[in-house]
PDB file of N, CA and C in Angstrom:
ATOM      1  N   UNK A   1       3.181  32.195  13.004  1.00  0.00           N
ATOM      2  CA  UNK A   1       2.352  32.009  11.328  1.00  0.00           C
ATOM      3  C   UNK A   1       2.637  30.978  10.699  1.00  0.00           C
ATOM      4  N   UNK A   2       4.121  30.780  10.334  1.00  0.00           N
ATOM      5  CA  UNK A   2       4.444  30.195   9.027  1.00  0.00           C
ATOM      6  C   UNK A   2       3.731  29.080   9.144  1.00  0.00           C
ATOM      7  N   UNK A   3       4.124  28.320  10.366  1.00  0.00           N
ATOM      8  CA  UNK A   3       3.452  27.014  10.614  1.00  0.00           C
ATOM      9  C   UNK A   3       2.039  26.739  10.517  1.00  0.00           C
ATOM     10  N   UNK A   4       1.146  27.928  10.662  1.00  0.00           N
ATOM     11  CA  UNK A   4      -0.051  27.750  10.692  1.00  0.00           C
ATOM     12  C   UNK A   4      -0.512  27.782   9.427  1.00  0.00           C
ATOM     13  N   UNK A   5       0.472  28.762   8.700  1.00  0.00           N
ATOM     14  CA  UNK A   5       0.067  29.015   7.232  1.00  0.00           C
ATOM     15  C   UNK A   5       0.656  27.367   6.381  1.00  0.00           C
ATOM     16  N   UNK A   6       1.245  26.820   6.672  1.00  0.00           N
ATOM     17  CA  UNK A   6       1.761  26.131   5.913  1.00  0.00           C
ATOM     18  C   UNK A   6       0.558  24.817   6.255  1.00  0.00           C
ATOM     19  N   UNK A   7       0.414  24.660   7.738  1.00  0.00           N
ATOM     20  CA  UNK A   7      -0.562  23.524   7.717  1.00  0.00           C
ATOM     21  C   UNK A   7      -2.124  23.896   7.121  1.00  0.00           C
ATOM     22  N   UNK A   8      -2.459  25.372   7.353  1.00  0.00           N
ATOM     23  CA  UNK A   8      -3.260  25.627   6.257  1.00  0.00           C
ATOM     24  C   UNK A   8      -3.350  25.158   4.656  1.00  0.00           C
ATOM     25  N   UNK A   9      -2.058  25.045   4.260  1.00  0.00           N
ATOM     26  CA  UNK A   9      -1.788  24.941   2.974  1.00  0.00           C
ATOM     27  C   UNK A   9      -2.428  23.261   2.365  1.00  0.00           C
ATOM     28  N   UNK A  10      -1.493  22.699   3.201  1.00  0.00           N
ATOM     29  CA  UNK A  10      -1.303  20.934   3.854  1.00  0.00           C
ATOM     30  C   UNK A  10      -3.171  20.977   3.656  1.00  0.00           C
ATOM     31  N   UNK A  11      -3.559  21.429   4.230  1.00  0.00           N
ATOM     32  CA  UNK A  11      -5.021  20.706   4.790  1.00  0.00           C
ATOM     33  C   UNK A  11      -5.777  20.627   3.093  1.00  0.00           C
ATOM     34  N   UNK A  12      -5.548  21.235   2.103  1.00  0.00           N
ATOM     35  CA  UNK A  12      -6.279  21.308   0.825  1.00  0.00           C
ATOM     36  C   UNK A  12      -6.044  19.618   0.105  1.00  0.00           C
ATOM     37  N   UNK A  13      -4.850  19.296   0.039  1.00  0.00           N
ATOM     38  CA  UNK A  13      -4.302  18.029  -0.212  1.00  0.00           C
ATOM     39  C   UNK A  13      -4.232  17.586   1.044  1.00  0.00           C
ATOM     40  N   UNK A  14      -4.962  17.778   1.973  1.00  0.00           N
ATOM     41  CA  UNK A  14      -4.525  16.169   3.113  1.00  0.00           C
ATOM     42  C   UNK A  14      -6.312  16.074   3.907  1.00  0.00           C
ATOM     43  N   UNK A  15      -7.368  17.109   2.958  1.00  0.00           N
ATOM     44  CA  UNK A  15      -8.344  16.897   3.600  1.00  0.00           C
ATOM     45  C   UNK A  15      -9.082  15.307   2.653  1.00  0.00           C
ATOM     46  N   UNK A  16     -10.299  14.845   3.699  1.00  0.00           N
ATOM     47  CA  UNK A  16     -10.847  13.490   3.039  1.00  0.00           C
ATOM     48  C   UNK A  16     -10.988  13.747   1.612  1.00  0.00           C
ATOM     49  N   UNK A  17     -11.722  14.224   0.936  1.00  0.00           N
ATOM     50  CA  UNK A  17     -10.839  13.905  -0.341  1.00  0.00           C
ATOM     51  C   UNK A  17      -9.975  13.828  -1.148  1.00  0.00           C
ATOM     52  N   UNK A  18      -8.795  13.975  -0.725  1.00  0.00           N
ATOM     53  CA  UNK A  18      -8.090  13.157  -1.449  1.00  0.00           C
ATOM     54  C   UNK A  18      -7.074  13.038  -0.872  1.00  0.00           C
ATOM     55  N   UNK A  19      -6.937  12.556   0.220  1.00  0.00           N
ATOM     56  CA  UNK A  19      -6.528  11.340   0.736  1.00  0.00           C
ATOM     57  C   UNK A  19      -7.339   9.993   1.854  1.00  0.00           C
ATOM     58  N   UNK A  20      -6.522   9.492   1.820  1.00  0.00           N
ATOM     59  CA  UNK A  20      -6.998   8.205   2.393  1.00  0.00           C
ATOM     60  C   UNK A  20      -5.607   7.403   3.254  1.00  0.00           C
ATOM     61  N   UNK A  21      -5.638   7.321   4.429  1.00  0.00           N
ATOM     62  CA  UNK A  21      -5.238   6.430   5.705  1.00  0.00           C
ATOM     63  C   UNK A  21      -4.211   5.138   5.252  1.00  0.00           C
ATOM     64  N   UNK A  22      -2.752   5.300   4.749  1.00  0.00           N
ATOM     65  CA  UNK A  22      -2.485   4.382   3.944  1.00  0.00           C
ATOM     66  C   UNK A  22      -0.887   4.228   4.769  1.00  0.00           C
ATOM     67  N   UNK A  23      -0.812   3.705   6.273  1.00  0.00           N
ATOM     68  CA  UNK A  23       0.941   3.496   6.125  1.00  0.00           C
ATOM     69  C   UNK A  23       1.750   3.333   5.506  1.00  0.00           C
ATOM     70  N   UNK A  24       1.521   2.449   4.294  1.00  0.00           N
ATOM     71  CA  UNK A  24       1.988   1.913   3.341  1.00  0.00           C
ATOM     72  C   UNK A  24       2.847   3.176   2.683  1.00  0.00           C
ATOM     73  N   UNK A  25       2.011   4.256   2.728  1.00  0.00           N
ATOM     74  CA  UNK A  25       2.719   5.158   1.368  1.00  0.00           C
ATOM     75  C   UNK A  25       3.679   5.665   2.510  1.00  0.00           C
ATOM     76  N   UNK A  26       4.146   5.599   3.647  1.00  0.00           N
ATOM     77  CA  UNK A  26       4.519   6.310   4.437  1.00  0.00           C
ATOM     78  C   UNK A  26       5.786   5.936   4.540  1.00  0.00           C
ATOM     79  N   UNK A  27       6.251   4.844   3.840  1.00  0.00           N
ATOM     80  CA  UNK A  27       7.445   4.476   4.209  1.00  0.00           C
ATOM     81  C   UNK A  27       8.741   4.734   3.506  1.00  0.00           C
ATOM     82  N   UNK A  28       8.191   5.395   2.330  1.00  0.00           N
ATOM     83  CA  UNK A  28       9.446   6.528   1.359  1.00  0.00           C
ATOM     84  C   UNK A  28      10.010   7.257   2.270  1.00  0.00           C
ATOM     85  N   UNK A  29       9.364   8.145   3.006  1.00  0.00           N
ATOM     86  CA  UNK A  29       9.675   8.921   4.140  1.00  0.00           C
ATOM     87  C   UNK A  29       9.794   8.563   5.444  1.00  0.00           C
ATOM     88  N   UNK A  30       9.906   7.360   6.166  1.00  0.00           N
ATOM     89  CA  UNK A  30      10.080   6.929   7.206  1.00  0.00           C
ATOM     90  C   UNK A  30      11.358   7.301   7.894  1.00  0.00           C
ATOM     91  N   UNK A  31      11.435   6.900   7.097  1.00  0.00           N
ATOM     92  CA  UNK A  31      13.700   6.768   7.102  1.00  0.00           C
ATOM     93  C   UNK A  31      14.354   8.329   7.763  1.00  0.00           C
ATOM     94  N   UNK A  32      13.724   9.281   6.503  1.00  0.00           N
ATOM     95  CA  UNK A  32      14.020  10.522   7.105  1.00  0.00           C
ATOM     96  C   UNK A  32      14.466  11.256   8.304  1.00  0.00           C
ATOM     97  N   UNK A  33      15.237  11.866   8.227  1.00  0.00           N
ATOM     98  CA  UNK A  33      15.328  13.096   9.441  1.00  0.00           C
ATOM     99  C   UNK A  33      14.329  14.206   9.303  1.00  0.00           C
ATOM    100  N   UNK A  34      13.934  14.115  10.992  1.00  0.00           N
ATOM    101  CA  UNK A  34      12.627  15.332  10.362  1.00  0.00           C
ATOM    102  C   UNK A  34      13.188  16.441  10.679  1.00  0.00           C
ATOM    103  N   UNK A  35      14.721  16.430  11.684  1.00  0.00           N
ATOM    104  CA  UNK A  35      14.652  18.025  12.541  1.00  0.00           C
ATOM    105  C   UNK A  35      14.927  18.406  11.156  1.00  0.00           C
ATOM    106  N   UNK A  36      14.142  19.796  11.443  1.00  0.00           N
ATOM    107  CA  UNK A  36      14.744  20.899  10.215  1.00  0.00           C
ATOM    108  C   UNK A  36      15.849  21.771  10.350  1.00  0.00           C
ATOM    109  N   UNK A  37      16.515  21.642   8.902  1.00  0.00           N
ATOM    110  CA  UNK A  37      17.885  22.447   9.076  1.00  0.00           C
ATOM    111  C   UNK A  37      17.166  23.060   7.862  1.00  0.00           C
ATOM    112  N   UNK A  38      18.150  24.698   7.691  1.00  0.00           N
ATOM    113  CA  UNK A  38      17.557  25.483   6.391  1.00  0.00           C
ATOM    114  C   UNK A  38      18.485  25.157   5.510  1.00  0.00           C
ATOM    115  N   UNK A  39      19.591  24.196   5.791  1.00  0.00           N
ATOM    116  CA  UNK A  39      21.014  24.250   4.290  1.00  0.00           C
ATOM    117  C   UNK A  39      20.052  23.017   3.840  1.00  0.00           C
ATOM    118  N   UNK A  40      18.965  21.804   4.060  1.00  0.00           N
ATOM    119  CA  UNK A  40      18.070  20.995   4.054  1.00  0.00           C
ATOM    120  C   UNK A  40      17.115  21.564   2.597  1.00  0.00           C
ATOM    121  N   UNK A  41      17.127  23.215   2.946  1.00  0.00           N
ATOM    122  CA  UNK A  41      16.330  23.695   2.263  1.00  0.00           C
ATOM    123  C   UNK A  41      16.864  24.095   0.777  1.00  0.00           C
ATOM    124  N   UNK A  42      17.577  23.803   0.979  1.00  0.00           N
ATOM    125  CA  UNK A  42      18.544  24.826  -0.824  1.00  0.00           C
ATOM    126  C   UNK A  42      18.285  22.906  -1.915  1.00  0.00           C
ATOM    127  N   UNK A  43      17.139  22.194  -1.385  1.00  0.00           N
ATOM    128  CA  UNK A  43      17.289  20.962  -2.144  1.00  0.00           C
ATOM    129  C   UNK A  43      16.075  20.918  -2.503  1.00  0.00           C
ATOM    130  N   UNK A  44      14.880  21.938  -2.039  1.00  0.00           N
ATOM    131  CA  UNK A  44      13.578  21.747  -2.272  1.00  0.00           C
ATOM    132  C   UNK A  44      13.680  22.507  -3.939  1.00  0.00           C
ATOM    133  N   UNK A  45      13.072  21.847  -4.522  1.00  0.00           N
ATOM    134  CA  UNK A  45      12.928  22.618  -5.582  1.00  0.00           C
ATOM    135  C   UNK A  45      11.293  22.953  -6.242  1.00  0.00           C
ATOM    136  N   UNK A  46      10.514  23.672  -7.118  1.00  0.00           N
ATOM    137  CA  UNK A  46       9.385  23.818  -7.059  1.00  0.00           C
ATOM    138  C   UNK A  46       8.526  22.877  -7.571  1.00  0.00           C
ATOM    139  N   UNK A  47       8.973  21.236  -8.615  1.00  0.00           N
ATOM    140  CA  UNK A  47       8.270  20.391  -8.804  1.00  0.00           C
ATOM    141  C   UNK A  47       7.749  19.340  -7.556  1.00  0.00           C
ATOM    142  N   UNK A  48       8.975  19.452  -6.153  1.00  0.00           N
ATOM    143  CA  UNK A  48       8.685  18.939  -5.260  1.00  0.00           C
ATOM    144  C   UNK A  48       7.341  19.188  -4.259  1.00  0.00           C
ATOM    145  N   UNK A  49       8.028  21.014  -4.227  1.00  0.00           N
ATOM    146  CA  UNK A  49       6.895  21.688  -3.628  1.00  0.00           C
ATOM    147  C   UNK A  49       5.237  21.151  -4.982  1.00  0.00           C
ATOM    148  N   UNK A  50       5.021  21.600  -5.487  1.00  0.00           N
ATOM    149  CA  UNK A  50       3.930  21.309  -6.183  1.00  0.00           C
ATOM    150  C   UNK A  50       3.142  19.756  -6.063  1.00  0.00           C
ATOM    151  N   UNK A  51       4.045  18.564  -5.947  1.00  0.00           N
ATOM    152  CA  UNK A  51       3.776  16.973  -5.509  1.00  0.00           C
ATOM    153  C   UNK A  51       3.138  17.320  -4.281  1.00  0.00           C
ATOM    154  N   UNK A  52       3.759  17.859  -3.438  1.00  0.00           N
ATOM    155  CA  UNK A  52       3.437  18.228  -1.971  1.00  0.00           C
ATOM    156  C   UNK A  52       2.173  18.905  -1.944  1.00  0.00           C
ATOM    157  N   UNK A  53       1.558  19.504  -2.646  1.00  0.00           N
ATOM    158  CA  UNK A  53       0.250  20.168  -2.167  1.00  0.00           C
ATOM    159  C   UNK A  53      -1.008  19.644  -3.480  1.00  0.00           C
ATOM    160  N   UNK A  54      -0.334  18.721  -4.492  1.00  0.00           N
ATOM    161  CA  UNK A  54      -0.994  18.707  -5.422  1.00  0.00           C
ATOM    162  C   UNK A  54      -2.578  17.760  -4.663  1.00  0.00           C
ATOM    163  N   UNK A  55      -3.922  18.159  -5.403  1.00  0.00           N
ATOM    164  CA  UNK A  55      -4.978  17.699  -4.704  1.00  0.00           C
ATOM    165  C   UNK A  55      -5.248  16.414  -5.547  1.00  0.00           C
ATOM    166  N   UNK A  56      -4.765  14.901  -5.159  1.00  0.00           N
ATOM    167  CA  UNK A  56      -5.174  14.555  -6.070  1.00  0.00           C
ATOM    168  C   UNK A  56      -5.260  13.236  -5.145  1.00  0.00           C
ATOM    169  N   UNK A  57      -6.617  12.082  -5.209  1.00  0.00           N
ATOM    170  CA  UNK A  57      -6.352  11.147  -4.169  1.00  0.00           C
ATOM    171  C   UNK A  57      -5.467  10.258  -4.082  1.00  0.00           C
ATOM    172  N   UNK A  58      -4.762   9.735  -3.092  1.00  0.00           N
ATOM    173  CA  UNK A  58      -4.058   9.155  -3.076  1.00  0.00           C
ATOM    174  C   UNK A  58      -3.910   8.376  -1.265  1.00  0.00           C
ATOM    175  N   UNK A  59      -3.279   7.545  -1.260  1.00  0.00           N
ATOM    176  CA  UNK A  59      -2.774   7.176  -0.004  1.00  0.00           C
ATOM    177  C   UNK A  59      -1.514   7.909   0.724  1.00  0.00           C
ATOM    178  N   UNK A  60      -2.150   8.257   2.033  1.00  0.00           N
ATOM    179  CA  UNK A  60      -0.904   9.308   2.891  1.00  0.00           C
ATOM    180  C   UNK A  60      -0.903   8.459   4.134  1.00  0.00           C
ATOM    181  N   UNK A  61       0.110   9.091   4.784  1.00  0.00           N
ATOM    182  CA  UNK A  61       0.400   8.664   6.533  1.00  0.00           C
ATOM    183  C   UNK A  61       1.168  10.086   7.072  1.00  0.00           C
ATOM    184  N   UNK A  62       0.439   9.736   8.258  1.00  0.00           N
ATOM    185  CA  UNK A  62       0.988  10.597   8.808  1.00  0.00           C
ATOM    186  C   UNK A  62       2.886  11.557   8.324  1.00  0.00           C
ATOM    187  N   UNK A  63       3.806  10.305   7.975  1.00  0.00           N
ATOM    188  CA  UNK A  63       5.124  10.687   7.845  1.00  0.00           C
ATOM    189  C   UNK A  63       5.164  10.870   6.571  1.00  0.00           C
ATOM    190  N   UNK A  64       4.112  11.439   5.412  1.00  0.00           N
ATOM    191  CA  UNK A  64       4.429  11.652   4.751  1.00  0.00           C
ATOM    192  C   UNK A  64       3.816  13.300   5.033  1.00  0.00           C
ATOM    193  N   UNK A  65       2.485  14.043   5.654  1.00  0.00           N
ATOM    194  CA  UNK A  65       2.626  15.084   6.224  1.00  0.00           C
ATOM    195  C   UNK A  65       3.686  15.842   6.179  1.00  0.00           C
ATOM    196  N   UNK A  66       4.326  15.123   7.647  1.00  0.00           N
ATOM    197  CA  UNK A  66       5.638  15.423   8.368  1.00  0.00           C
ATOM    198  C   UNK A  66       6.798  16.172   6.559  1.00  0.00           C
ATOM    199  N   UNK A  67       6.668  15.600   6.099  1.00  0.00           N
ATOM    200  CA  UNK A  67       7.944  15.653   5.212  1.00  0.00           C
ATOM    201  C   UNK A  67       7.314  16.901   4.179  1.00  0.00           C
ATOM    202  N   UNK A  68       5.550  16.468   3.901  1.00  0.00           N
ATOM    203  CA  UNK A  68       5.350  17.837   2.871  1.00  0.00           C
ATOM    204  C   UNK A  68       5.369  19.291   3.775  1.00  0.00           C
ATOM    205  N   UNK A  69       5.193  19.265   4.767  1.00  0.00           N
ATOM    206  CA  UNK A  69       5.162  20.070   5.085  1.00  0.00           C
ATOM    207  C   UNK A  69       6.571  20.809   5.367  1.00  0.00           C
ATOM    208  N   UNK A  70       7.162  20.192   5.568  1.00  0.00           N
ATOM    209  CA  UNK A  70       9.213  21.056   5.576  1.00  0.00           C
ATOM    210  C   UNK A  70       9.353  21.284   4.135  1.00  0.00           C
ATOM    211  N   UNK A  71       8.956  20.741   3.063  1.00  0.00           N
ATOM    212  CA  UNK A  71       9.095  20.785   1.695  1.00  0.00           C
ATOM    213  C   UNK A  71       8.579  22.247   1.632  1.00  0.00           C
ATOM    214  N   UNK A  72       6.980  22.860   2.131  1.00  0.00           N
ATOM    215  CA  UNK A  72       6.218  23.571   1.909  1.00  0.00           C
ATOM    216  C   UNK A  72       7.260  24.638   2.463  1.00  0.00           C
ATOM    217  N   UNK A  73       7.336  24.595   3.894  1.00  0.00           N
ATOM    218  CA  UNK A  73       7.750  25.547   5.056  1.00  0.00           C
ATOM    219  C   UNK A  73       9.468  25.960   4.315  1.00  0.00           C
ATOM    220  N   UNK A  74      10.296  24.679   3.484  1.00  0.00           N
ATOM    221  CA  UNK A  74      10.865  25.334   2.890  1.00  0.00           C
ATOM    222  C   UNK A  74      11.117  26.851   1.638  1.00  0.00           C
ATOM    223  N   UNK A  75      10.102  26.039   0.847  1.00  0.00           N
ATOM    224  CA  UNK A  75       9.849  26.859  -0.224  1.00  0.00           C
ATOM    225  C   UNK A  75       9.215  27.893  -0.221  1.00  0.00           C
ATOM    226  N   UNK A  76       8.102  27.772   0.385  1.00  0.00           N
ATOM    227  CA  UNK A  76       7.386  29.354   0.382  1.00  0.00           C
ATOM    228  C   UNK A  76       7.265  30.361   1.622  1.00  0.00           C
ATOM    229  N   UNK A  77       8.020  29.821   2.959  1.00  0.00           N
ATOM    230  CA  UNK A  77       8.612  30.525   3.907  1.00  0.00           C
ATOM    231  C   UNK A  77       9.813  30.546   4.258  1.00  0.00           C
ATOM    232  N   UNK A  78      10.909  29.799   3.916  1.00  0.00           N
ATOM    233  CA  UNK A  78      12.750  30.113   3.893  1.00  0.00           C
ATOM    234  C   UNK A  78      12.761  31.484   4.026  1.00  0.00           C
ATOM    235  N   UNK A  79      12.650  32.416   3.405  1.00  0.00           N
ATOM    236  CA  UNK A  79      12.832  33.833   3.458  1.00  0.00           C
ATOM    237  C   UNK A  79      12.496  34.449   5.077  1.00  0.00           C
ATOM    238  N   UNK A  80      11.577  34.091   5.632  1.00  0.00           N
ATOM    239  CA  UNK A  80      10.831  34.069   7.035  1.00  0.00           C
ATOM    240  C   UNK A  80      11.366  33.084   8.385  1.00  0.00           C
ATOM    241  N   UNK A  81      12.696  33.034   8.058  1.00  0.00           N
ATOM    242  CA  UNK A  81      13.028  32.605   8.629  1.00  0.00           C
ATOM    243  C   UNK A  81      13.860  32.986   9.965  1.00  0.00           C
ATOM    244  N   UNK A  82      13.128  32.638  11.677  1.00  0.00           N
ATOM    245  CA  UNK A  82      14.175  33.744  12.564  1.00  0.00           C
ATOM    246  C   UNK A  82      15.301  33.232  12.388  1.00  0.00           C
ATOM    247  N   UNK A  83      16.319  34.031  13.404  1.00  0.00           N
ATOM    248  CA  UNK A  83      17.472  32.423  14.003  1.00  0.00           C
ATOM    249  C   UNK A  83      17.104  31.867  15.162  1.00  0.00           C
ATOM    250  N   UNK A  84      17.514  30.938  15.530  1.00  0.00           N
ATOM    251  CA  UNK A  84      17.468  29.790  16.341  1.00  0.00           C
ATOM    252  C   UNK A  84      18.096  30.279  17.311  1.00  0.00           C
ATOM    253  N   UNK A  85      18.442  31.128  18.209  1.00  0.00           N
ATOM    254  CA  UNK A  85      18.905  30.992  18.981  1.00  0.00           C
ATOM    255  C   UNK A  85      17.979  32.326  19.756  1.00  0.00           C
ATOM    256  N   UNK A  86      17.134  33.219  18.826  1.00  0.00           N
ATOM    257  CA  UNK A  86      16.496  34.213  19.154  1.00  0.00           C
ATOM    258  C   UNK A  86      15.458  34.034  18.365  1.00  0.00           C
ATOM    259  N   UNK A  87      14.480  33.054  18.773  1.00  0.00           N
ATOM    260  CA  UNK A  87      13.239  32.429  18.602  1.00  0.00           C
ATOM    261  C   UNK A  87      12.096  33.467  18.480  1.00  0.00           C
ATOM    262  N   UNK A  88      12.158  33.670  19.254  1.00  0.00           N
ATOM    263  CA  UNK A  88      11.662  35.607  19.990  1.00  0.00           C
ATOM    264  C   UNK A  88      11.047  36.594  19.435  1.00  0.00           C
ATOM    265  N   UNK A  89      11.860  36.511  18.412  1.00  0.00           N
ATOM    266  CA  UNK A  89      11.185  37.078  16.978  1.00  0.00           C
ATOM    267  C   UNK A  89      10.698  37.172  16.030  1.00  0.00           C
ATOM    268  N   UNK A  90      10.660  35.695  16.237  1.00  0.00           N
ATOM    269  CA  UNK A  90       8.919  35.379  15.217  1.00  0.00           C
ATOM    270  C   UNK A  90       7.788  36.321  15.523  1.00  0.00           C
ATOM    271  N   UNK A  91       7.851  36.424  16.896  1.00  0.00           N
ATOM    272  CA  UNK A  91       6.506  37.217  16.878  1.00  0.00           C
ATOM    273  C   UNK A  91       6.759  38.215  16.352  1.00  0.00           C
ATOM    274  N   UNK A  92       7.790  39.301  16.075  1.00  0.00           N
ATOM    275  CA  UNK A  92       7.403  40.837  15.590  1.00  0.00           C
ATOM    276  C   UNK A  92       6.683  40.689  14.593  1.00  0.00           C
ATOM    277  N   UNK A  93       6.834  41.617  14.472  1.00  0.00           N
ATOM    278  CA  UNK A  93       5.025  42.326  13.525  1.00  0.00           C
ATOM    279  C   UNK A  93       5.441  41.986  12.020  1.00  0.00           C
ATOM    280  N   UNK A  94       7.592  42.910  11.659  1.00  0.00           N
ATOM    281  CA  UNK A  94       7.593  42.645  10.493  1.00  0.00           C
ATOM    282  C   UNK A  94       8.028  40.909  10.201  1.00  0.00           C
ATOM    283  N   UNK A  95       8.238  39.963  10.906  1.00  0.00           N
ATOM    284  CA  UNK A  95       8.558  38.579  10.508  1.00  0.00           C
ATOM    285  C   UNK A  95       6.978  37.579  10.262  1.00  0.00           C
ATOM    286  N   UNK A  96       6.418  38.866  10.809  1.00  0.00           N
ATOM    287  CA  UNK A  96       4.799  38.009  10.983  1.00  0.00           C
ATOM    288  C   UNK A  96       4.206  38.182   9.316  1.00  0.00           C
ATOM    289  N   UNK A  97       4.548  39.178   9.444  1.00  0.00           N
ATOM    290  CA  UNK A  97       3.839  41.074   8.285  1.00  0.00           C
ATOM    291  C   UNK A  97       5.070  39.470   6.683  1.00  0.00           C
ATOM    292  N   UNK A  98       6.010  39.014   7.157  1.00  0.00           N
ATOM    293  CA  UNK A  98       6.584  38.044   6.030  1.00  0.00           C
ATOM    294  C   UNK A  98       5.887  36.745   5.600  1.00  0.00           C
ATOM    295  N   UNK A  99       5.690  36.347   7.126  1.00  0.00           N
ATOM    296  CA  UNK A  99       4.885  34.675   6.548  1.00  0.00           C
ATOM    297  C   UNK A  99       3.243  35.660   6.383  1.00  0.00           C
ATOM    298  N   UNK A 100       2.715  36.249   6.503  1.00  0.00           N
ATOM    299  CA  UNK A 100       1.800  36.428   5.645  1.00  0.00           C
ATOM    300  C   UNK A 100       1.246  36.520   4.600  1.00  0.00           C
ATOM    301  N   UNK A 101       2.430  37.901   4.173  1.00  0.00           N
ATOM    302  CA  UNK A 101       2.477  37.333   2.564  1.00  0.00           C
ATOM    303  C   UNK A 101       3.109  36.271   1.357  1.00  0.00           C
ATOM    304  N   UNK A 102       3.818  35.659   2.252  1.00  0.00           N
ATOM    305  CA  UNK A 102       4.187  33.957   1.896  1.00  0.00           C
ATOM    306  C   UNK A 102       3.031  33.514   1.914  1.00  0.00           C
ATOM    307  N   UNK A 103       2.047  33.394   2.486  1.00  0.00           N
ATOM    308  CA  UNK A 103       1.033  32.840   2.483  1.00  0.00           C
ATOM    309  C   UNK A 103      -0.229  33.701   1.353  1.00  0.00           C
ATOM    310  N   UNK A 104      -0.269  34.575   1.240  1.00  0.00           N
ATOM    311  CA  UNK A 104      -1.340  35.274   0.377  1.00  0.00           C
ATOM    312  C   UNK A 104      -0.544  34.806  -1.049  1.00  0.00           C
ATOM    313  N   UNK A 105       0.666  34.755  -1.488  1.00  0.00           N
ATOM    314  CA  UNK A 105       1.381  34.735  -2.558  1.00  0.00           C
ATOM    315  C   UNK A 105       0.679  33.442  -3.143  1.00  0.00           C
ATOM    316  N   UNK A 106       0.551  32.107  -2.075  1.00  0.00           N
ATOM    317  CA  UNK A 106       0.221  31.108  -2.569  1.00  0.00           C
ATOM    318  C   UNK A 106      -1.340  31.283  -2.999  1.00  0.00           C
TER     319      UNK A 106
END
């Protein structure tokens, strides 16, 4: 649920009204490590989050979306993280409710 909520949040910034395809725009994040690590979330701040979801017309590439996806997941949903070795716990009602609540706060 958290991933779907993140995609929903980003859909506002990535709809055609606010984005134009621009491969060059993705160069700044192309060499970023894509694997999610909760420890990287400690570096995500509100300014990064606001920039990721801002609704302004600018060039974007799929790599920007991935980077912004990680930023939103870290900033908005980190408290809802499930243990990697017990990923099935993510479907438990209390974990889904955590994601719902964080999305509602958006």
